[in-house]
Amino acid sequence: MQSLDDALLEQFISRFLGYGSFNSRVWFIGMEEGGGNDFAQVSRRLETWRARGLRELEDVRDYHLAIGIDRFFREPVKIQRTWAHLVRVYLSALGRSTETVEIKEYQAKKLGRHDGDTAILELMPLCSPGTNRWFYDRWSSIPYLKTRERYLSQVMPNRIAILKNKLQTNQPKVVVFYGASYREYYEQTIGARTNLISELDCYSCDVRSTRYLIIKHPAAKGITNQYFLKIGHHLHEWLKEIDSKLCHPDG
């Protein structure tokens, strides 16, 4: 039976938060990263993370190239569905073109980079191919990884506390949580209740100088590009307002 390095796995669970920089102006936060279909894939992710310095945030392009996934970053660039919709939100929030060529360009070169303006974080640390599939009980002897339910119960409170602290410390201008079915956990991370914006079909609140949104997951059934464009256009107005206050603090 193949086994992961449990000590390394626990470091990853307690430390790894996602991709990009805490200085990024816009953060995207999901429930968990996809993937993890087989032992070799998960082991490679962990060992690469260790070799690159056990970082809280990785550079999404450099890390994925290091684990042998280059199709989202090198020509011909393949669209990654979740990332592409997040990029669509971001570019439209800046008032920029969201044509496919621009989506691919940003995904391949700018999204989730250490020197970029977008961070992609995850509430839960372990990649998984779906909520109804769980393999870590086969690959680890850690007791709370015996079931997904035990994993969530054991790990989530600490992860929420870590992310809440990061948000309060860094105060990004925009935080977009995706996957509205996890609203309860996202609100715990924010530390505030959100309100429905019916015309956008999302939830929102403002805390200090940060606007928080909870939107549908990019992989949700029947989702359209227009949904994410509307979210981006809404954020465009918020960013203009924030920038105006920064330029005219007494205005």
C-alpha atoms as a PDB file:
ATOM      1  CA  MET A   1       0.000   0.000   0.000  1.00  0.00           C
ATOM      2  CA  GLN A   2       1.392   3.389  -1.008  1.00  0.00           C
ATOM      3  CA  SER A   3       1.615   5.951   1.795  1.00  0.00           C
ATOM      4  CA  LEU A   4       2.153   9.689   1.872  1.00  0.00           C
ATOM      5  CA  ASP A   5       4.625  11.294   4.269  1.00  0.00           C
ATOM      6  CA  ASP A   6       2.201  12.041   7.119  1.00  0.00           C
ATOM      7  CA  ALA A   7       4.462  14.641   8.759  1.00  0.00           C
ATOM      8  CA  LEU A   8       4.701  16.540   5.467  1.00  0.00           C
ATOM      9  CA  LEU A   9       0.973  16.117   4.864  1.00  0.00           C
ATOM     10  CA  GLU A  10       0.154  17.669   8.236  1.00  0.00           C
ATOM     11  CA  GLN A  11       2.489  20.580   7.513  1.00  0.00           C
ATOM     12  CA  PHE A  12       0.688  21.112   4.227  1.00  0.00           C
ATOM     13  CA  ILE A  13      -2.737  20.946   5.891  1.00  0.00           C
ATOM     14  CA  SER A  14      -1.820  23.510   8.526  1.00  0.00           C
ATOM     15  CA  ARG A  15       0.220  25.861   6.335  1.00  0.00           C
ATOM     16  CA  PHE A  16      -0.585  25.859   2.614  1.00  0.00           C
ATOM     17  CA  LEU A  17      -3.246  28.446   1.704  1.00  0.00           C
ATOM     18  CA  GLY A  18      -3.088  28.816  -2.081  1.00  0.00           C
ATOM     19  CA  TYR A  19      -1.454  30.968  -4.718  1.00  0.00           C
ATOM     20  CA  GLY A  20      -0.377  34.551  -5.260  1.00  0.00           C
ATOM     21  CA  SER A  21       0.505  37.243  -2.750  1.00  0.00           C
ATOM     22  CA  PHE A  22      -1.167  38.552   0.391  1.00  0.00           C
ATOM     23  CA  ASN A  23      -0.477  42.016  -1.031  1.00  0.00           C
ATOM     24  CA  SER A  24      -2.834  41.327  -3.931  1.00  0.00           C
ATOM     25  CA  ARG A  25      -5.697  43.746  -4.299  1.00  0.00           C
ATOM     26  CA  VAL A  26      -8.205  41.042  -5.242  1.00  0.00           C
ATOM     27  CA  TRP A  27      -8.492  37.657  -3.517  1.00  0.00           C
ATOM     28  CA  PHE A  28     -10.522  34.707  -4.752  1.00  0.00           C
ATOM     29  CA  ILE A  29     -11.309  32.038  -2.151  1.00  0.00           C
ATOM     30  CA  GLY A  30     -12.785  28.633  -2.942  1.00  0.00           C
ATOM     31  CA  MET A  31     -13.655  25.606  -0.840  1.00  0.00           C
ATOM     32  CA  GLU A  32     -10.880  23.328  -2.091  1.00  0.00           C
ATOM     33  CA  GLU A  33      -8.693  22.737  -5.117  1.00  0.00           C
ATOM     34  CA  GLY A  34      -9.643  20.113  -7.678  1.00  0.00           C
ATOM     35  CA  GLY A  35      -7.390  17.229  -8.659  1.00  0.00           C
ATOM     36  CA  GLY A  36      -5.885  14.562  -6.448  1.00  0.00           C
ATOM     37  CA  ASN A  37      -7.174  11.714  -8.584  1.00  0.00           C
ATOM     38  CA  ASP A  38      -4.273   9.386  -7.809  1.00  0.00           C
ATOM     39  CA  PHE A  39      -1.487   8.829  -5.314  1.00  0.00           C
ATOM     40  CA  ALA A  40       1.332   9.903  -7.641  1.00  0.00           C
ATOM     41  CA  GLN A  41      -0.322  13.248  -8.325  1.00  0.00           C
ATOM     42  CA  VAL A  42      -0.838  14.081  -4.644  1.00  0.00           C
ATOM     43  CA  SER A  43       2.637  12.870  -3.653  1.00  0.00           C
ATOM     44  CA  ARG A  44       4.220  15.004  -6.387  1.00  0.00           C
ATOM     45  CA  ARG A  45       2.327  18.068  -5.165  1.00  0.00           C
ATOM     46  CA  LEU A  46       3.510  17.554  -1.595  1.00  0.00           C
ATOM     47  CA  GLU A  47       7.140  16.842  -2.457  1.00  0.00           C
ATOM     48  CA  THR A  48       7.304  19.821  -4.815  1.00  0.00           C
ATOM     49  CA  TRP A  49       5.823  22.042  -2.125  1.00  0.00           C
ATOM     50  CA  ARG A  50       8.508  20.877   0.294  1.00  0.00           C
ATOM     51  CA  ALA A  51      11.304  21.362  -2.240  1.00  0.00           C
ATOM     52  CA  ARG A  52      10.122  24.907  -2.958  1.00  0.00           C
ATOM     53  CA  GLY A  53      10.184  25.977   0.696  1.00  0.00           C
ATOM     54  CA  LEU A  54       6.911  24.983   2.411  1.00  0.00           C
ATOM     55  CA  ARG A  55       5.305  28.300   1.484  1.00  0.00           C
ATOM     56  CA  GLU A  56       1.910  29.537   2.639  1.00  0.00           C
ATOM     57  CA  LEU A  57       1.320  30.897  -0.857  1.00  0.00           C
ATOM     58  CA  GLU A  58       2.827  29.440  -4.004  1.00  0.00           C
ATOM     59  CA  ASP A  59       3.190  31.030  -7.438  1.00  0.00           C
ATOM     60  CA  VAL A  60       0.493  29.276  -9.450  1.00  0.00           C
ATOM     61  CA  ARG A  61       2.423  29.166 -12.716  1.00  0.00           C
ATOM     62  CA  ASP A  62       5.811  28.176 -11.300  1.00  0.00           C
ATOM     63  CA  TYR A  63       4.335  25.555  -8.977  1.00  0.00           C
ATOM     64  CA  HIS A  64       2.211  23.897 -11.648  1.00  0.00           C
ATOM     65  CA  LEU A  65       5.088  23.827 -14.099  1.00  0.00           C
ATOM     66  CA  ALA A  66       7.184  22.199 -11.357  1.00  0.00           C
ATOM     67  CA  ILE A  67       4.605  19.413 -10.875  1.00  0.00           C
ATOM     68  CA  GLY A  68       4.386  18.842 -14.621  1.00  0.00           C
ATOM     69  CA  ILE A  69       1.138  20.652 -15.449  1.00  0.00           C
ATOM     70  CA  ASP A  70       1.915  23.107 -18.224  1.00  0.00           C
ATOM     71  CA  ARG A  71      -1.186  23.099 -20.441  1.00  0.00           C
ATOM     72  CA  PHE A  72      -2.691  26.132 -18.686  1.00  0.00           C
ATOM     73  CA  PHE A  73       0.469  28.218 -19.010  1.00  0.00           C
ATOM     74  CA  ARG A  74       2.281  27.370 -22.247  1.00  0.00           C
ATOM     75  CA  GLU A  75       1.154  27.677 -25.848  1.00  0.00           C
ATOM     76  CA  PRO A  76      -1.291  26.540 -26.936  1.00  0.00           C
ATOM     77  CA  VAL A  77      -2.811  27.665 -23.616  1.00  0.00           C
ATOM     78  CA  LYS A  78      -5.803  25.603 -22.493  1.00  0.00           C
ATOM     79  CA  ILE A  79      -8.564  27.387 -20.612  1.00  0.00           C
ATOM     80  CA  GLN A  80      -8.957  26.186 -17.019  1.00  0.00           C
ATOM     81  CA  ARG A  81     -12.682  26.612 -16.425  1.00  0.00           C
ATOM     82  CA  THR A  82     -12.648  27.795 -12.818  1.00  0.00           C
ATOM     83  CA  TRP A  83      -9.693  30.117 -13.279  1.00  0.00           C
ATOM     84  CA  ALA A  84     -11.085  31.520 -16.532  1.00  0.00           C
ATOM     85  CA  HIS A  85     -14.289  32.698 -14.867  1.00  0.00           C
ATOM     86  CA  LEU A  86     -12.295  34.253 -12.016  1.00  0.00           C
ATOM     87  CA  VAL A  87     -10.157  36.050 -14.586  1.00  0.00           C
ATOM     88  CA  ARG A  88     -13.358  37.186 -16.306  1.00  0.00           C
ATOM     89  CA  VAL A  89     -14.508  38.772 -13.033  1.00  0.00           C
ATOM     90  CA  TYR A  90     -11.144  40.432 -12.490  1.00  0.00           C
ATOM     91  CA  LEU A  91     -10.661  41.838 -15.987  1.00  0.00           C
ATOM     92  CA  SER A  92     -14.211  43.185 -16.162  1.00  0.00           C
ATOM     93  CA  ALA A  93     -13.710  44.758 -12.712  1.00  0.00           C
ATOM     94  CA  LEU A  94     -10.798  46.674 -14.234  1.00  0.00           C
ATOM     95  CA  GLY A  95     -12.849  47.632 -17.292  1.00  0.00           C
ATOM     96  CA  ARG A  96     -10.639  45.528 -19.555  1.00  0.00           C
ATOM     97  CA  SER A  97     -11.480  43.205 -22.437  1.00  0.00           C
ATOM     98  CA  THR A  98     -12.656  39.714 -21.561  1.00  0.00           C
ATOM     99  CA  GLU A  99     -12.205  38.153 -24.976  1.00  0.00           C
ATOM    100  CA  THR A 100     -10.776  34.623 -24.959  1.00  0.00           C
ATOM    101  CA  VAL A 101      -7.296  35.765 -25.976  1.00  0.00           C
ATOM    102  CA  GLU A 102      -7.136  38.127 -22.980  1.00  0.00           C
ATOM    103  CA  ILE A 103      -8.484  35.464 -20.622  1.00  0.00           C
ATOM    104  CA  LYS A 104      -5.778  33.043 -21.751  1.00  0.00           C
ATOM    105  CA  GLU A 105      -3.072  35.687 -21.540  1.00  0.00           C
ATOM    106  CA  TYR A 106      -3.952  36.623 -17.960  1.00  0.00           C
ATOM    107  CA  GLN A 107      -4.405  33.005 -16.858  1.00  0.00           C
ATOM    108  CA  ALA A 108      -1.054  31.970 -18.304  1.00  0.00           C
ATOM    109  CA  LYS A 109       1.040  34.906 -17.115  1.00  0.00           C
ATOM    110  CA  LYS A 110      -0.593  36.906 -14.318  1.00  0.00           C
ATOM    111  CA  LEU A 111      -3.139  34.924 -12.293  1.00  0.00           C
ATOM    112  CA  GLY A 112      -2.027  33.920  -8.806  1.00  0.00           C
ATOM    113  CA  ARG A 113       1.557  35.085  -9.250  1.00  0.00           C
ATOM    114  CA  HIS A 114       3.813  36.202  -6.422  1.00  0.00           C
ATOM    115  CA  ASP A 115       4.205  39.616  -8.072  1.00  0.00           C
ATOM    116  CA  GLY A 116       0.616  39.885  -9.301  1.00  0.00           C
ATOM    117  CA  ASP A 117      -2.636  41.526  -8.233  1.00  0.00           C
ATOM    118  CA  THR A 118      -4.765  38.404  -7.717  1.00  0.00           C
ATOM    119  CA  ALA A 119      -4.550  35.687  -5.078  1.00  0.00           C
ATOM    120  CA  ILE A 120      -6.349  32.336  -5.219  1.00  0.00           C
ATOM    121  CA  LEU A 121      -6.824  30.800  -1.776  1.00  0.00           C
ATOM    122  CA  GLU A 122      -8.665  27.707  -0.556  1.00  0.00           C
ATOM    123  CA  LEU A 123     -10.640  27.225   2.626  1.00  0.00           C
ATOM    124  CA  MET A 124      -9.596  23.564   2.768  1.00  0.00           C
ATOM    125  CA  PRO A 125      -6.022  22.561   1.863  1.00  0.00           C
ATOM    126  CA  LEU A 126      -6.236  19.111   0.244  1.00  0.00           C
ATOM    127  CA  CYS A 127      -7.026  18.782  -3.439  1.00  0.00           C
ATOM    128  CA  SER A 128      -9.918  16.459  -4.241  1.00  0.00           C
ATOM    129  CA  PRO A 129     -11.668  15.337  -7.437  1.00  0.00           C
ATOM    130  CA  GLY A 130     -15.096  15.883  -5.864  1.00  0.00           C
ATOM    131  CA  THR A 131     -17.045  16.053  -2.633  1.00  0.00           C
ATOM    132  CA  ASN A 132     -18.255  12.472  -3.097  1.00  0.00           C
ATOM    133  CA  ARG A 133     -14.780  11.003  -3.577  1.00  0.00           C
ATOM    134  CA  TRP A 134     -12.158  10.580  -0.844  1.00  0.00           C
ATOM    135  CA  PHE A 135      -8.816   8.810  -1.165  1.00  0.00           C
ATOM    136  CA  TYR A 136      -6.732  10.087   1.749  1.00  0.00           C
ATOM    137  CA  ASP A 137      -7.863   7.270   4.037  1.00  0.00           C
ATOM    138  CA  ARG A 138      -5.984   4.913   1.689  1.00  0.00           C
ATOM    139  CA  TRP A 139      -2.836   7.020   1.544  1.00  0.00           C
ATOM    140  CA  SER A 140      -2.446   8.266   5.127  1.00  0.00           C
ATOM    141  CA  SER A 141      -2.659   6.944   8.684  1.00  0.00           C
ATOM    142  CA  ILE A 142      -3.726  10.326  10.104  1.00  0.00           C
ATOM    143  CA  PRO A 143      -6.917   9.531  12.069  1.00  0.00           C
ATOM    144  CA  TYR A 144      -8.942  12.571  10.949  1.00  0.00           C
ATOM    145  CA  LEU A 145      -8.352  11.701   7.295  1.00  0.00           C
ATOM    146  CA  LYS A 146     -10.328   8.463   7.599  1.00  0.00           C
ATOM    147  CA  THR A 147     -13.386  10.255   6.208  1.00  0.00           C
ATOM    148  CA  ARG A 148     -14.089  13.582   4.534  1.00  0.00           C
ATOM    149  CA  GLU A 149     -16.487  14.418   7.370  1.00  0.00           C
ATOM    150  CA  ARG A 150     -13.802  13.968  10.045  1.00  0.00           C
ATOM    151  CA  TYR A 151     -11.355  15.971   7.951  1.00  0.00           C
ATOM    152  CA  LEU A 152     -13.781  18.887   7.629  1.00  0.00           C
ATOM    153  CA  SER A 153     -14.700  18.794  11.310  1.00  0.00           C
ATOM    154  CA  GLN A 154     -11.062  18.693  12.463  1.00  0.00           C
ATOM    155  CA  VAL A 155      -9.402  21.044  10.005  1.00  0.00           C
ATOM    156  CA  MET A 156     -11.968  23.648   9.024  1.00  0.00           C
ATOM    157  CA  PRO A 157     -12.121  25.668  12.296  1.00  0.00           C
ATOM    158  CA  ASN A 158      -8.375  26.269  12.226  1.00  0.00           C
ATOM    159  CA  ARG A 159      -8.394  27.120   8.523  1.00  0.00           C
ATOM    160  CA  ILE A 160     -11.213  29.608   9.030  1.00  0.00           C
ATOM    161  CA  ALA A 161      -9.249  31.255  11.858  1.00  0.00           C
ATOM    162  CA  ILE A 162      -6.077  31.472   9.727  1.00  0.00           C
ATOM    163  CA  LEU A 163      -7.843  32.985   6.731  1.00  0.00           C
ATOM    164  CA  LYS A 164      -9.823  35.387   8.913  1.00  0.00           C
ATOM    165  CA  ASN A 165      -6.558  36.635  10.400  1.00  0.00           C
ATOM    166  CA  LYS A 166      -4.992  37.025   6.950  1.00  0.00           C
ATOM    167  CA  LEU A 167      -7.984  39.051   5.767  1.00  0.00           C
ATOM    168  CA  GLN A 168      -7.939  41.323   8.796  1.00  0.00           C
ATOM    169  CA  THR A 169      -4.182  41.833   8.562  1.00  0.00           C
ATOM    170  CA  ASN A 170      -3.933  42.471   4.820  1.00  0.00           C
ATOM    171  CA  GLN A 171      -7.334  44.031   4.061  1.00  0.00           C
ATOM    172  CA  PRO A 172      -7.534  43.389   0.295  1.00  0.00           C
ATOM    173  CA  LYS A 173      -9.919  45.658  -1.590  1.00  0.00           C
ATOM    174  CA  VAL A 174     -12.046  42.806  -2.920  1.00  0.00           C
ATOM    175  CA  VAL A 175     -12.585  39.234  -1.739  1.00  0.00           C
ATOM    176  CA  VAL A 176     -14.679  36.922  -3.904  1.00  0.00           C
ATOM    177  CA  PHE A 177     -15.692  33.611  -2.355  1.00  0.00           C
ATOM    178  CA  TYR A 178     -17.013  31.132  -4.900  1.00  0.00           C
ATOM    179  CA  GLY A 179     -19.390  28.282  -4.213  1.00  0.00           C
ATOM    180  CA  ALA A 180     -22.503  29.789  -2.596  1.00  0.00           C
ATOM    181  CA  SER A 181     -23.445  26.492  -0.936  1.00  0.00           C
ATOM    182  CA  TYR A 182     -20.549  27.123   1.474  1.00  0.00           C
ATOM    183  CA  ARG A 183     -21.891  30.537   2.487  1.00  0.00           C
ATOM    184  CA  GLU A 184     -22.013  29.584   6.188  1.00  0.00           C
ATOM    185  CA  TYR A 185     -18.273  28.854   6.288  1.00  0.00           C
ATOM    186  CA  TYR A 186     -17.403  31.889   4.215  1.00  0.00           C
ATOM    187  CA  GLU A 187     -19.345  34.171   6.549  1.00  0.00           C
ATOM    188  CA  GLN A 188     -17.438  32.706   9.489  1.00  0.00           C
ATOM    189  CA  THR A 189     -14.228  33.562   7.635  1.00  0.00           C
ATOM    190  CA  ILE A 190     -15.419  37.114   6.983  1.00  0.00           C
ATOM    191  CA  GLY A 191     -16.694  37.515  10.543  1.00  0.00           C
ATOM    192  CA  ALA A 192     -19.932  39.094   9.311  1.00  0.00           C
ATOM    193  CA  ARG A 193     -23.242  38.199   7.713  1.00  0.00           C
ATOM    194  CA  THR A 194     -23.794  38.834   4.018  1.00  0.00           C
ATOM    195  CA  ASN A 195     -26.915  40.095   2.267  1.00  0.00           C
ATOM    196  CA  LEU A 196     -28.449  38.921  -0.986  1.00  0.00           C
ATOM    197  CA  ILE A 197     -27.987  41.145  -4.037  1.00  0.00           C
ATOM    198  CA  SER A 198     -30.881  39.736  -6.038  1.00  0.00           C
ATOM    199  CA  GLU A 199     -29.980  41.370  -9.342  1.00  0.00           C
ATOM    200  CA  LEU A 200     -26.532  39.768  -9.215  1.00  0.00           C
ATOM    201  CA  ASP A 201     -27.626  36.486  -7.605  1.00  0.00           C
ATOM    202  CA  CYS A 202     -24.840  36.687  -5.031  1.00  0.00           C
ATOM    203  CA  TYR A 203     -24.269  37.751  -1.432  1.00  0.00           C
ATOM    204  CA  SER A 204     -22.251  40.726  -0.257  1.00  0.00           C
ATOM    205  CA  CYS A 205     -21.074  42.812   2.669  1.00  0.00           C
ATOM    206  CA  ASP A 206     -18.453  45.466   3.343  1.00  0.00           C
ATOM    207  CA  VAL A 207     -16.018  45.268   6.260  1.00  0.00           C
ATOM    208  CA  ARG A 208     -13.740  48.245   6.696  1.00  0.00           C
ATOM    209  CA  SER A 209     -12.435  48.964   3.193  1.00  0.00           C
ATOM    210  CA  THR A 210     -13.015  45.453   1.816  1.00  0.00           C
ATOM    211  CA  ARG A 211     -15.975  44.343  -0.260  1.00  0.00           C
ATOM    212  CA  TYR A 212     -16.824  40.671   0.163  1.00  0.00           C
ATOM    213  CA  LEU A 213     -18.884  38.723  -2.350  1.00  0.00           C
ATOM    214  CA  ILE A 214     -20.100  35.138  -2.246  1.00  0.00           C
ATOM    215  CA  ILE A 215     -20.874  34.027  -5.788  1.00  0.00           C
ATOM    216  CA  LYS A 216     -21.802  30.851  -7.613  1.00  0.00           C
ATOM    217  CA  HIS A 217     -19.060  28.358  -8.357  1.00  0.00           C
ATOM    218  CA  PRO A 218     -17.560  28.697 -11.852  1.00  0.00           C
ATOM    219  CA  ALA A 219     -18.295  24.999 -12.453  1.00  0.00           C
ATOM    220  CA  ALA A 220     -21.964  25.303 -11.427  1.00  0.00           C
ATOM    221  CA  LYS A 221     -24.438  23.744 -13.829  1.00  0.00           C
ATOM    222  CA  GLY A 222     -25.869  26.196 -16.327  1.00  0.00           C
ATOM    223  CA  ILE A 223     -23.527  29.048 -15.378  1.00  0.00           C
ATOM    224  CA  THR A 224     -22.824  31.623 -18.090  1.00  0.00           C
ATOM    225  CA  ASN A 225     -20.061  34.095 -18.870  1.00  0.00           C
ATOM    226  CA  GLN A 226     -22.592  36.891 -18.393  1.00  0.00           C
ATOM    227  CA  TYR A 227     -23.018  36.035 -14.717  1.00  0.00           C
ATOM    228  CA  PHE A 228     -19.322  36.670 -14.031  1.00  0.00           C
ATOM    229  CA  LEU A 229     -19.254  39.777 -16.191  1.00  0.00           C
ATOM    230  CA  LYS A 230     -22.065  41.264 -14.093  1.00  0.00           C
ATOM    231  CA  ILE A 231     -20.101  40.489 -10.927  1.00  0.00           C
ATOM    232  CA  GLY A 232     -17.050  42.186 -12.438  1.00  0.00           C
ATOM    233  CA  HIS A 233     -18.996  45.274 -13.507  1.00  0.00           C
ATOM    234  CA  HIS A 234     -20.330  45.601  -9.964  1.00  0.00           C
ATOM    235  CA  LEU A 235     -16.797  45.442  -8.588  1.00  0.00           C
ATOM    236  CA  HIS A 236     -15.638  47.996 -11.160  1.00  0.00           C
ATOM    237  CA  GLU A 237     -17.829  50.604  -9.483  1.00  0.00           C
ATOM    238  CA  TRP A 238     -16.565  49.604  -6.023  1.00  0.00           C
ATOM    239  CA  LEU A 239     -12.920  49.897  -7.053  1.00  0.00           C
ATOM    240  CA  LYS A 240     -13.557  53.306  -8.610  1.00  0.00           C
ATOM    241  CA  GLU A 241     -15.116  54.430  -5.332  1.00  0.00           C
ATOM    242  CA  ILE A 242     -12.178  53.100  -3.302  1.00  0.00           C
ATOM    243  CA  ASP A 243      -9.644  54.717  -5.636  1.00  0.00           C
ATOM    244  CA  SER A 244     -11.483  58.018  -5.421  1.00  0.00           C
ATOM    245  CA  LYS A 245     -11.345  57.953  -1.626  1.00  0.00           C
ATOM    246  CA  LEU A 246      -7.621  57.181  -1.730  1.00  0.00           C
ATOM    247  CA  CYS A 247      -7.003  60.114  -4.075  1.00  0.00           C
ATOM    248  CA  HIS A 248      -9.291  62.468  -2.100  1.00  0.00           C
ATOM    249  CA  PRO A 249      -9.245  61.233   1.516  1.00  0.00           C
ATOM    250  CA  ASP A 250     -10.984  64.358   2.798  1.00  0.00           C
ATOM    251  CA  GLY A 251     -13.544  64.444   0.001  1.00  0.00           C
END
